[in-house]
Amino acid sequence: MDFQAPHFSFWNTAYTAVGAIGYWGLKGRTKLRVYTLSDLIERLNWSDRACYVTEFLVFIVLGCFVGVGVVEPTNPRQAITAGLAWTGVFATQRSQGRPKTR
């Protein structure tokens, strides 16, 4: 059996993006981080707004790519759920400050 590439149509990607955007909107940048990607984006020394927009776009693209690739949704309900669930996999809770070193 050969590796089957997922089918990215406009609609399954759009609905998956809606789910990812919904998850981001629920938690937002103040509570979520995209693991080490957030740190890499912050090191670019861009304005806060540019960092926020870049982190948001990376979050959505990863959610769509993995959501459609893993779940292969066939209807809007599956696509939105895939966007919500798989973007949650990439997010971690933002801590309140940096951990103290000894």
PDB file of N, CA and C in Angstrom:
ATOM      1  N   MET A   1       0.840  -1.175   0.000  1.00  0.00           N
ATOM      2  CA  MET A   1       0.000   0.000   0.000  1.00  0.00           C
ATOM      3  C   MET A   1       0.891   1.246   0.000  1.00  0.00           C
ATOM      4  N   ASP A   2       0.619   2.144  -0.908  1.00  0.00           N
ATOM      5  CA  ASP A   2       1.382   3.382  -1.013  1.00  0.00           C
ATOM      6  C   ASP A   2       0.839   4.424  -0.042  1.00  0.00           C
ATOM      7  N   PHE A   3       1.680   5.364   0.277  1.00  0.00           N
ATOM      8  CA  PHE A   3       1.262   6.490   1.120  1.00  0.00           C
ATOM      9  C   PHE A   3       0.256   7.324   0.350  1.00  0.00           C
ATOM     10  N   GLN A   4      -0.871   7.582   0.956  1.00  0.00           N
ATOM     11  CA  GLN A   4      -1.911   8.375   0.328  1.00  0.00           C
ATOM     12  C   GLN A   4      -1.864   9.803   0.860  1.00  0.00           C
ATOM     13  N   ALA A   5      -1.623  10.744  -0.017  1.00  0.00           N
ATOM     14  CA  ALA A   5      -1.621  12.152   0.382  1.00  0.00           C
ATOM     15  C   ALA A   5      -3.054  12.594   0.653  1.00  0.00           C
ATOM     16  N   PRO A   6      -3.262  13.423   1.674  1.00  0.00           N
ATOM     17  CA  PRO A   6      -4.617  13.897   1.951  1.00  0.00           C
ATOM     18  C   PRO A   6      -5.115  14.820   0.849  1.00  0.00           C
ATOM     19  N   HIS A   7      -6.414  14.904   0.743  1.00  0.00           N
ATOM     20  CA  HIS A   7      -7.033  15.773  -0.258  1.00  0.00           C
ATOM     21  C   HIS A   7      -7.391  17.102   0.394  1.00  0.00           C
ATOM     22  N   PHE A   8      -6.718  18.164  -0.013  1.00  0.00           N
ATOM     23  CA  PHE A   8      -6.989  19.509   0.498  1.00  0.00           C
ATOM     24  C   PHE A   8      -7.881  20.228  -0.499  1.00  0.00           C
ATOM     25  N   SER A   9      -9.156  20.293  -0.192  1.00  0.00           N
ATOM     26  CA  SER A   9     -10.059  21.083  -1.030  1.00  0.00           C
ATOM     27  C   SER A   9     -10.244  22.446  -0.362  1.00  0.00           C
ATOM     28  N   PHE A  10     -10.807  23.367  -1.096  1.00  0.00           N
ATOM     29  CA  PHE A  10     -11.042  24.688  -0.522  1.00  0.00           C
ATOM     30  C   PHE A  10     -11.936  24.583   0.707  1.00  0.00           C
ATOM     31  N   TRP A  11     -13.035  23.831   0.591  1.00  0.00           N
ATOM     32  CA  TRP A  11     -14.021  23.802   1.660  1.00  0.00           C
ATOM     33  C   TRP A  11     -13.548  23.059   2.897  1.00  0.00           C
ATOM     34  N   ASN A  12     -12.877  21.911   2.735  1.00  0.00           N
ATOM     35  CA  ASN A  12     -12.433  21.228   3.960  1.00  0.00           C
ATOM     36  C   ASN A  12     -11.326  22.015   4.655  1.00  0.00           C
ATOM     37  N   THR A  13     -10.511  22.723   3.897  1.00  0.00           N
ATOM     38  CA  THR A  13      -9.483  23.569   4.500  1.00  0.00           C
ATOM     39  C   THR A  13     -10.111  24.799   5.162  1.00  0.00           C
ATOM     40  N   ALA A  14     -11.101  25.398   4.509  1.00  0.00           N
ATOM     41  CA  ALA A  14     -11.755  26.587   5.074  1.00  0.00           C
ATOM     42  C   ALA A  14     -12.463  26.256   6.376  1.00  0.00           C
ATOM     43  N   TYR A  15     -13.201  25.153   6.412  1.00  0.00           N
ATOM     44  CA  TYR A  15     -13.900  24.790   7.646  1.00  0.00           C
ATOM     45  C   TYR A  15     -12.925  24.370   8.747  1.00  0.00           C
ATOM     46  N   THR A  16     -11.836  23.742   8.381  1.00  0.00           N
ATOM     47  CA  THR A  16     -10.817  23.407   9.376  1.00  0.00           C
ATOM     48  C   THR A  16     -10.200  24.683   9.933  1.00  0.00           C
ATOM     49  N   ALA A  17      -9.980  25.671   9.070  1.00  0.00           N
ATOM     50  CA  ALA A  17      -9.467  26.968   9.531  1.00  0.00           C
ATOM     51  C   ALA A  17     -10.449  27.638  10.477  1.00  0.00           C
ATOM     52  N   VAL A  18     -11.750  27.507  10.211  1.00  0.00           N
ATOM     53  CA  VAL A  18     -12.754  28.074  11.117  1.00  0.00           C
ATOM     54  C   VAL A  18     -12.617  27.462  12.506  1.00  0.00           C
ATOM     55  N   GLY A  19     -12.416  26.154  12.568  1.00  0.00           N
ATOM     56  CA  GLY A  19     -12.215  25.497  13.857  1.00  0.00           C
ATOM     57  C   GLY A  19     -10.955  25.969  14.557  1.00  0.00           C
ATOM     58  N   ALA A  20      -9.872  26.110  13.801  1.00  0.00           N
ATOM     59  CA  ALA A  20      -8.611  26.583  14.376  1.00  0.00           C
ATOM     60  C   ALA A  20      -8.736  28.022  14.862  1.00  0.00           C
ATOM     61  N   ILE A  21      -9.397  28.856  14.084  1.00  0.00           N
ATOM     62  CA  ILE A  21      -9.606  30.252  14.478  1.00  0.00           C
ATOM     63  C   ILE A  21     -10.494  30.317  15.719  1.00  0.00           C
ATOM     64  N   GLY A  22     -11.490  29.440  15.774  1.00  0.00           N
ATOM     65  CA  GLY A  22     -12.352  29.388  16.950  1.00  0.00           C
ATOM     66  C   GLY A  22     -11.584  29.029  18.209  1.00  0.00           C
ATOM     67  N   TYR A  23     -10.669  28.075  18.085  1.00  0.00           N
ATOM     68  CA  TYR A  23      -9.860  27.687  19.249  1.00  0.00           C
ATOM     69  C   TYR A  23      -8.953  28.838  19.669  1.00  0.00           C
ATOM     70  N   TRP A  24      -8.330  29.496  18.700  1.00  0.00           N
ATOM     71  CA  TRP A  24      -7.471  30.640  19.013  1.00  0.00           C
ATOM     72  C   TRP A  24      -8.285  31.763  19.654  1.00  0.00           C
ATOM     73  N   GLY A  25      -9.487  31.992  19.127  1.00  0.00           N
ATOM     74  CA  GLY A  25     -10.344  33.030  19.682  1.00  0.00           C
ATOM     75  C   GLY A  25     -10.795  32.710  21.096  1.00  0.00           C
ATOM     76  N   LEU A  26     -10.992  31.440  21.383  1.00  0.00           N
ATOM     77  CA  LEU A  26     -11.415  31.017  22.713  1.00  0.00           C
ATOM     78  C   LEU A  26     -10.311  31.236  23.736  1.00  0.00           C
ATOM     79  N   LYS A  27      -9.100  30.872  23.386  1.00  0.00           N
ATOM     80  CA  LYS A  27      -7.975  30.969  24.321  1.00  0.00           C
ATOM     81  C   LYS A  27      -7.139  32.221  24.099  1.00  0.00           C
ATOM     82  N   GLY A  28      -6.873  32.557  22.843  1.00  0.00           N
ATOM     83  CA  GLY A  28      -6.124  33.759  22.514  1.00  0.00           C
ATOM     84  C   GLY A  28      -4.640  33.674  22.824  1.00  0.00           C
ATOM     85  N   ARG A  29      -3.938  34.669  22.357  1.00  0.00           N
ATOM     86  CA  ARG A  29      -2.482  34.692  22.499  1.00  0.00           C
ATOM     87  C   ARG A  29      -2.048  34.869  23.949  1.00  0.00           C
ATOM     88  N   THR A  30      -2.902  35.457  24.765  1.00  0.00           N
ATOM     89  CA  THR A  30      -2.516  35.667  26.158  1.00  0.00           C
ATOM     90  C   THR A  30      -2.457  34.349  26.924  1.00  0.00           C
ATOM     91  N   LYS A  31      -3.169  33.320  26.446  1.00  0.00           N
ATOM     92  CA  LYS A  31      -3.184  32.039  27.144  1.00  0.00           C
ATOM     93  C   LYS A  31      -2.481  30.921  26.387  1.00  0.00           C
ATOM     94  N   LEU A  32      -2.243  31.093  25.080  1.00  0.00           N
ATOM     95  CA  LEU A  32      -1.680  30.018  24.269  1.00  0.00           C
ATOM     96  C   LEU A  32      -0.303  30.374  23.726  1.00  0.00           C
ATOM     97  N   ARG A  33       0.484  29.337  23.526  1.00  0.00           N
ATOM     98  CA  ARG A  33       1.765  29.438  22.845  1.00  0.00           C
ATOM     99  C   ARG A  33       1.827  28.312  21.836  1.00  0.00           C
ATOM    100  N   VAL A  34       2.548  28.509  20.765  1.00  0.00           N
ATOM    101  CA  VAL A  34       2.737  27.463  19.771  1.00  0.00           C
ATOM    102  C   VAL A  34       4.098  26.821  20.044  1.00  0.00           C
ATOM    103  N   TYR A  35       4.232  26.284  21.262  1.00  0.00           N
ATOM    104  CA  TYR A  35       5.473  25.665  21.731  1.00  0.00           C
ATOM    105  C   TYR A  35       6.681  26.518  21.359  1.00  0.00           C
ATOM    106  N   THR A  36       7.720  25.939  20.774  1.00  0.00           N
ATOM    107  CA  THR A  36       8.942  26.698  20.503  1.00  0.00           C
ATOM    108  C   THR A  36       8.786  27.681  19.350  1.00  0.00           C
ATOM    109  N   LEU A  37       7.770  27.508  18.513  1.00  0.00           N
ATOM    110  CA  LEU A  37       7.572  28.466  17.423  1.00  0.00           C
ATOM    111  C   LEU A  37       7.303  29.862  17.961  1.00  0.00           C
ATOM    112  N   SER A  38       6.590  29.958  19.081  1.00  0.00           N
ATOM    113  CA  SER A  38       6.347  31.274  19.685  1.00  0.00           C
ATOM    114  C   SER A  38       7.655  31.936  20.087  1.00  0.00           C
ATOM    115  N   ASP A  39       8.568  31.164  20.658  1.00  0.00           N
ATOM    116  CA  ASP A  39       9.872  31.706  21.045  1.00  0.00           C
ATOM    117  C   ASP A  39      10.670  32.151  19.825  1.00  0.00           C
ATOM    118  N   LEU A  40      10.626  31.350  18.762  1.00  0.00           N
ATOM    119  CA  LEU A  40      11.351  31.719  17.544  1.00  0.00           C
ATOM    120  C   LEU A  40      10.787  32.995  16.925  1.00  0.00           C
ATOM    121  N   ILE A  41       9.496  33.123  16.910  1.00  0.00           N
ATOM    122  CA  ILE A  41       8.861  34.322  16.354  1.00  0.00           C
ATOM    123  C   ILE A  41       9.228  35.549  17.179  1.00  0.00           C
ATOM    124  N   GLU A  42       9.228  35.414  18.505  1.00  0.00           N
ATOM    125  CA  GLU A  42       9.578  36.540  19.372  1.00  0.00           C
ATOM    126  C   GLU A  42      11.028  36.976  19.188  1.00  0.00           C
ATOM    127  N   ARG A  43      11.903  36.055  18.821  1.00  0.00           N
ATOM    128  CA  ARG A  43      13.326  36.388  18.629  1.00  0.00           C
ATOM    129  C   ARG A  43      13.589  37.154  17.338  1.00  0.00           C
ATOM    130  N   LEU A  44      12.590  37.283  16.486  1.00  0.00           N
ATOM    131  CA  LEU A  44      12.761  38.026  15.236  1.00  0.00           C
ATOM    132  C   LEU A  44      12.839  39.532  15.455  1.00  0.00           C
ATOM    133  N   ASN A  45      12.557  39.975  16.675  1.00  0.00           N
ATOM    134  CA  ASN A  45      12.597  41.397  17.035  1.00  0.00           C
ATOM    135  C   ASN A  45      11.672  42.247  16.177  1.00  0.00           C
ATOM    136  N   TRP A  46      10.515  41.698  15.852  1.00  0.00           N
ATOM    137  CA  TRP A  46       9.492  42.448  15.152  1.00  0.00           C
ATOM    138  C   TRP A  46       8.634  43.159  16.179  1.00  0.00           C
ATOM    139  N   SER A  47       7.748  43.985  15.719  1.00  0.00           N
ATOM    140  CA  SER A  47       6.808  44.649  16.625  1.00  0.00           C
ATOM    141  C   SER A  47       5.888  43.592  17.242  1.00  0.00           C
ATOM    142  N   ASP A  48       5.274  43.940  18.358  1.00  0.00           N
ATOM    143  CA  ASP A  48       4.355  43.011  19.010  1.00  0.00           C
ATOM    144  C   ASP A  48       3.222  42.602  18.078  1.00  0.00           C
ATOM    145  N   ARG A  49       2.734  43.547  17.310  1.00  0.00           N
ATOM    146  CA  ARG A  49       1.630  43.258  16.391  1.00  0.00           C
ATOM    147  C   ARG A  49       2.051  42.271  15.304  1.00  0.00           C
ATOM    148  N   ALA A  50       3.240  42.465  14.733  1.00  0.00           N
ATOM    149  CA  ALA A  50       3.738  41.552  13.701  1.00  0.00           C
ATOM    150  C   ALA A  50       3.955  40.150  14.276  1.00  0.00           C
ATOM    151  N   CYS A  51       4.456  40.068  15.492  1.00  0.00           N
ATOM    152  CA  CYS A  51       4.633  38.766  16.145  1.00  0.00           C
ATOM    153  C   CYS A  51       3.292  38.092  16.375  1.00  0.00           C
ATOM    154  N   TYR A  52       2.304  38.870  16.819  1.00  0.00           N
ATOM    155  CA  TYR A  52       0.971  38.319  17.066  1.00  0.00           C
ATOM    156  C   TYR A  52       0.362  37.768  15.780  1.00  0.00           C
ATOM    157  N   VAL A  53       0.423  38.538  14.711  1.00  0.00           N
ATOM    158  CA  VAL A  53      -0.163  38.120  13.435  1.00  0.00           C
ATOM    159  C   VAL A  53       0.564  36.886  12.899  1.00  0.00           C
ATOM    160  N   THR A  54       1.895  36.875  12.978  1.00  0.00           N
ATOM    161  CA  THR A  54       2.664  35.734  12.496  1.00  0.00           C
ATOM    162  C   THR A  54       2.338  34.483  13.300  1.00  0.00           C
ATOM    163  N   GLU A  55       2.280  34.603  14.611  1.00  0.00           N
ATOM    164  CA  GLU A  55       1.958  33.451  15.464  1.00  0.00           C
ATOM    165  C   GLU A  55       0.548  32.942  15.160  1.00  0.00           C
ATOM    166  N   PHE A  56      -0.397  33.838  14.971  1.00  0.00           N
ATOM    167  CA  PHE A  56      -1.763  33.465  14.617  1.00  0.00           C
ATOM    168  C   PHE A  56      -1.794  32.694  13.298  1.00  0.00           C
ATOM    169  N   LEU A  57      -1.116  33.208  12.280  1.00  0.00           N
ATOM    170  CA  LEU A  57      -1.107  32.554  10.970  1.00  0.00           C
ATOM    171  C   LEU A  57      -0.439  31.182  11.021  1.00  0.00           C
ATOM    172  N   VAL A  58       0.683  31.076  11.743  1.00  0.00           N
ATOM    173  CA  VAL A  58       1.354  29.782  11.893  1.00  0.00           C
ATOM    174  C   VAL A  58       0.423  28.791  12.584  1.00  0.00           C
ATOM    175  N   PHE A  59      -0.257  29.243  13.623  1.00  0.00           N
ATOM    176  CA  PHE A  59      -1.200  28.413  14.368  1.00  0.00           C
ATOM    177  C   PHE A  59      -2.300  27.888  13.449  1.00  0.00           C
ATOM    178  N   ILE A  60      -2.854  28.742  12.604  1.00  0.00           N
ATOM    179  CA  ILE A  60      -3.934  28.351  11.702  1.00  0.00           C
ATOM    180  C   ILE A  60      -3.426  27.411  10.618  1.00  0.00           C
ATOM    181  N   VAL A  61      -2.282  27.722  10.016  1.00  0.00           N
ATOM    182  CA  VAL A  61      -1.735  26.872   8.957  1.00  0.00           C
ATOM    183  C   VAL A  61      -1.418  25.476   9.491  1.00  0.00           C
ATOM    184  N   LEU A  62      -0.787  25.392  10.647  1.00  0.00           N
ATOM    185  CA  LEU A  62      -0.497  24.072  11.232  1.00  0.00           C
ATOM    186  C   LEU A  62      -1.781  23.323  11.550  1.00  0.00           C
ATOM    187  N   GLY A  63      -2.761  24.024  12.096  1.00  0.00           N
ATOM    188  CA  GLY A  63      -4.035  23.383  12.406  1.00  0.00           C
ATOM    189  C   GLY A  63      -4.716  22.827  11.161  1.00  0.00           C
ATOM    190  N   CYS A  64      -4.683  23.590  10.072  1.00  0.00           N
ATOM    191  CA  CYS A  64      -5.290  23.123   8.820  1.00  0.00           C
ATOM    192  C   CYS A  64      -4.510  21.968   8.219  1.00  0.00           C
ATOM    193  N   PHE A  65      -3.211  22.106   8.186  1.00  0.00           N
ATOM    194  CA  PHE A  65      -2.367  21.073   7.577  1.00  0.00           C
ATOM    195  C   PHE A  65      -2.535  19.743   8.293  1.00  0.00           C
ATOM    196  N   VAL A  66      -2.412  19.752   9.609  1.00  0.00           N
ATOM    197  CA  VAL A  66      -2.523  18.510  10.368  1.00  0.00           C
ATOM    198  C   VAL A  66      -3.978  18.067  10.470  1.00  0.00           C
ATOM    199  N   GLY A  67      -4.892  19.010  10.665  1.00  0.00           N
ATOM    200  CA  GLY A  67      -6.304  18.650  10.775  1.00  0.00           C
ATOM    201  C   GLY A  67      -6.820  17.945   9.537  1.00  0.00           C
ATOM    202  N   VAL A  68      -6.543  18.484   8.367  1.00  0.00           N
ATOM    203  CA  VAL A  68      -6.984  17.852   7.123  1.00  0.00           C
ATOM    204  C   VAL A  68      -6.158  16.605   6.849  1.00  0.00           C
ATOM    205  N   GLY A  69      -4.865  16.665   7.129  1.00  0.00           N
ATOM    206  CA  GLY A  69      -3.997  15.519   6.851  1.00  0.00           C
ATOM    207  C   GLY A  69      -4.303  14.299   7.693  1.00  0.00           C
ATOM    208  N   VAL A  70      -4.635  14.492   8.943  1.00  0.00           N
ATOM    209  CA  VAL A  70      -4.881  13.362   9.835  1.00  0.00           C
ATOM    210  C   VAL A  70      -6.334  12.899   9.774  1.00  0.00           C
ATOM    211  N   VAL A  71      -7.261  13.835   9.839  1.00  0.00           N
ATOM    212  CA  VAL A  71      -8.671  13.482   9.939  1.00  0.00           C
ATOM    213  C   VAL A  71      -9.309  13.248   8.568  1.00  0.00           C
ATOM    214  N   GLU A  72      -8.837  13.954   7.546  1.00  0.00           N
ATOM    215  CA  GLU A  72      -9.442  13.933   6.216  1.00  0.00           C
ATOM    216  C   GLU A  72     -10.958  14.123   6.315  1.00  0.00           C
ATOM    217  N   PRO A  73     -11.385  15.305   6.772  1.00  0.00           N
ATOM    218  CA  PRO A  73     -12.815  15.540   6.986  1.00  0.00           C
ATOM    219  C   PRO A  73     -13.614  15.486   5.690  1.00  0.00           C
ATOM    220  N   THR A  74     -14.816  14.949   5.795  1.00  0.00           N
ATOM    221  CA  THR A  74     -15.681  14.845   4.621  1.00  0.00           C
ATOM    222  C   THR A  74     -16.919  15.728   4.738  1.00  0.00           C
ATOM    223  N   ASN A  75     -17.104  16.382   5.893  1.00  0.00           N
ATOM    224  CA  ASN A  75     -18.220  17.307   6.048  1.00  0.00           C
ATOM    225  C   ASN A  75     -17.783  18.447   6.969  1.00  0.00           C
ATOM    226  N   PRO A  76     -18.517  19.558   6.980  1.00  0.00           N
ATOM    227  CA  PRO A  76     -18.116  20.716   7.784  1.00  0.00           C
ATOM    228  C   PRO A  76     -17.958  20.409   9.276  1.00  0.00           C
ATOM    229  N   ARG A  77     -18.818  19.579   9.823  1.00  0.00           N
ATOM    230  CA  ARG A  77     -18.733  19.256  11.252  1.00  0.00           C
ATOM    231  C   ARG A  77     -17.399  18.579  11.580  1.00  0.00           C
ATOM    232  N   GLN A  78     -16.992  17.630  10.743  1.00  0.00           N
ATOM    233  CA  GLN A  78     -15.707  16.960  10.957  1.00  0.00           C
ATOM    234  C   GLN A  78     -14.548  17.941  10.784  1.00  0.00           C
ATOM    235  N   ALA A  79     -14.646  18.832   9.795  1.00  0.00           N
ATOM    236  CA  ALA A  79     -13.568  19.781   9.534  1.00  0.00           C
ATOM    237  C   ALA A  79     -13.398  20.765  10.690  1.00  0.00           C
ATOM    238  N   ILE A  80     -14.511  21.299  11.190  1.00  0.00           N
ATOM    239  CA  ILE A  80     -14.421  22.242  12.309  1.00  0.00           C
ATOM    240  C   ILE A  80     -13.871  21.554  13.547  1.00  0.00           C
ATOM    241  N   THR A  81     -14.324  20.338  13.796  1.00  0.00           N
ATOM    242  CA  THR A  81     -13.815  19.577  14.939  1.00  0.00           C
ATOM    243  C   THR A  81     -12.326  19.284  14.778  1.00  0.00           C
ATOM    244  N   ALA A  82     -11.904  18.956  13.571  1.00  0.00           N
ATOM    245  CA  ALA A  82     -10.479  18.711  13.321  1.00  0.00           C
ATOM    246  C   ALA A  82      -9.664  19.964  13.582  1.00  0.00           C
ATOM    247  N   GLY A  83     -10.168  21.106  13.153  1.00  0.00           N
ATOM    248  CA  GLY A  83      -9.464  22.373  13.391  1.00  0.00           C
ATOM    249  C   GLY A  83      -9.346  22.680  14.870  1.00  0.00           C
ATOM    250  N   LEU A  84     -10.429  22.471  15.613  1.00  0.00           N
ATOM    251  CA  LEU A  84     -10.398  22.695  17.062  1.00  0.00           C
ATOM    252  C   LEU A  84      -9.424  21.744  17.748  1.00  0.00           C
ATOM    253  N   ALA A  85      -9.541  20.476  17.422  1.00  0.00           N
ATOM    254  CA  ALA A  85      -8.759  19.459  18.132  1.00  0.00           C
ATOM    255  C   ALA A  85      -7.272  19.518  17.813  1.00  0.00           C
ATOM    256  N   TRP A  86      -6.933  19.588  16.551  1.00  0.00           N
ATOM    257  CA  TRP A  86      -5.519  19.507  16.204  1.00  0.00           C
ATOM    258  C   TRP A  86      -4.763  20.793  16.469  1.00  0.00           C
ATOM    259  N   THR A  87      -5.430  21.917  16.479  1.00  0.00           N
ATOM    260  CA  THR A  87      -4.725  23.128  16.894  1.00  0.00           C
ATOM    261  C   THR A  87      -4.483  23.085  18.396  1.00  0.00           C
ATOM    262  N   GLY A  88      -5.360  22.434  19.132  1.00  0.00           N
ATOM    263  CA  GLY A  88      -5.139  22.247  20.562  1.00  0.00           C
ATOM    264  C   GLY A  88      -3.908  21.412  20.854  1.00  0.00           C
ATOM    265  N   VAL A  89      -3.575  20.505  19.956  1.00  0.00           N
ATOM    266  CA  VAL A  89      -2.374  19.688  20.127  1.00  0.00           C
ATOM    267  C   VAL A  89      -1.120  20.559  20.054  1.00  0.00           C
ATOM    268  N   PHE A  90      -1.148  21.589  19.210  1.00  0.00           N
ATOM    269  CA  PHE A  90       0.027  22.440  19.026  1.00  0.00           C
ATOM    270  C   PHE A  90       0.145  23.544  20.057  1.00  0.00           C
ATOM    271  N   ALA A  91      -0.864  23.712  20.864  1.00  0.00           N
ATOM    272  CA  ALA A  91      -0.864  24.818  21.816  1.00  0.00           C
ATOM    273  C   ALA A  91      -0.513  24.326  23.212  1.00  0.00           C
ATOM    274  N   THR A  92       0.126  25.177  23.932  1.00  0.00           N
ATOM    275  CA  THR A  92       0.408  24.930  25.329  1.00  0.00           C
ATOM    276  C   THR A  92       0.001  26.176  26.098  1.00  0.00           C
ATOM    277  N   GLN A  93      -0.303  26.021  27.358  1.00  0.00           N
ATOM    278  CA  GLN A  93      -0.711  27.166  28.160  1.00  0.00           C
ATOM    279  C   GLN A  93       0.473  28.101  28.362  1.00  0.00           C
ATOM    280  N   ARG A  94       0.253  29.360  28.192  1.00  0.00           N
ATOM    281  CA  ARG A  94       1.297  30.376  28.408  1.00  0.00           C
ATOM    282  C   ARG A  94       1.466  30.544  29.911  1.00  0.00           C
ATOM    283  N   SER A  95       2.688  30.446  30.360  1.00  0.00           N
ATOM    284  CA  SER A  95       2.944  30.571  31.796  1.00  0.00           C
ATOM    285  C   SER A  95       2.925  32.028  32.214  1.00  0.00           C
ATOM    286  N   GLN A  96       2.758  32.256  33.485  1.00  0.00           N
ATOM    287  CA  GLN A  96       2.777  33.609  34.041  1.00  0.00           C
ATOM    288  C   GLN A  96       4.223  33.970  34.378  1.00  0.00           C
ATOM    289  N   GLY A  97       4.963  34.427  33.425  1.00  0.00           N
ATOM    290  CA  GLY A  97       6.363  34.777  33.644  1.00  0.00           C
ATOM    291  C   GLY A  97       7.282  33.587  33.407  1.00  0.00           C
ATOM    292  N   ARG A  98       8.534  33.841  33.482  1.00  0.00           N
ATOM    293  CA  ARG A  98       9.533  32.796  33.235  1.00  0.00           C
ATOM    294  C   ARG A  98       9.803  32.027  34.515  1.00  0.00           C
ATOM    295  N   PRO A  99      10.134  30.715  34.372  1.00  0.00           N
ATOM    296  CA  PRO A  99      10.466  29.957  35.576  1.00  0.00           C
ATOM    297  C   PRO A  99      11.756  30.477  36.207  1.00  0.00           C
ATOM    298  N   LYS A 100      11.819  30.429  37.497  1.00  0.00           N
ATOM    299  CA  LYS A 100      13.000  30.921  38.202  1.00  0.00           C
ATOM    300  C   LYS A 100      14.131  29.914  38.122  1.00  0.00           C
ATOM    301  N   THR A 101      15.329  30.421  37.906  1.00  0.00           N
ATOM    302  CA  THR A 101      16.508  29.556  37.885  1.00  0.00           C
ATOM    303  C   THR A 101      17.166  29.579  39.235  1.00  0.00           C
ATOM    304  N   ARG A 102      17.863  28.526  39.545  1.00  0.00           N
ATOM    305  CA  ARG A 102      18.506  28.434  40.864  1.00  0.00           C
ATOM    306  C   ARG A 102      19.923  28.926  40.808  1.00  0.00           C
TER     307      ARG A 102
END
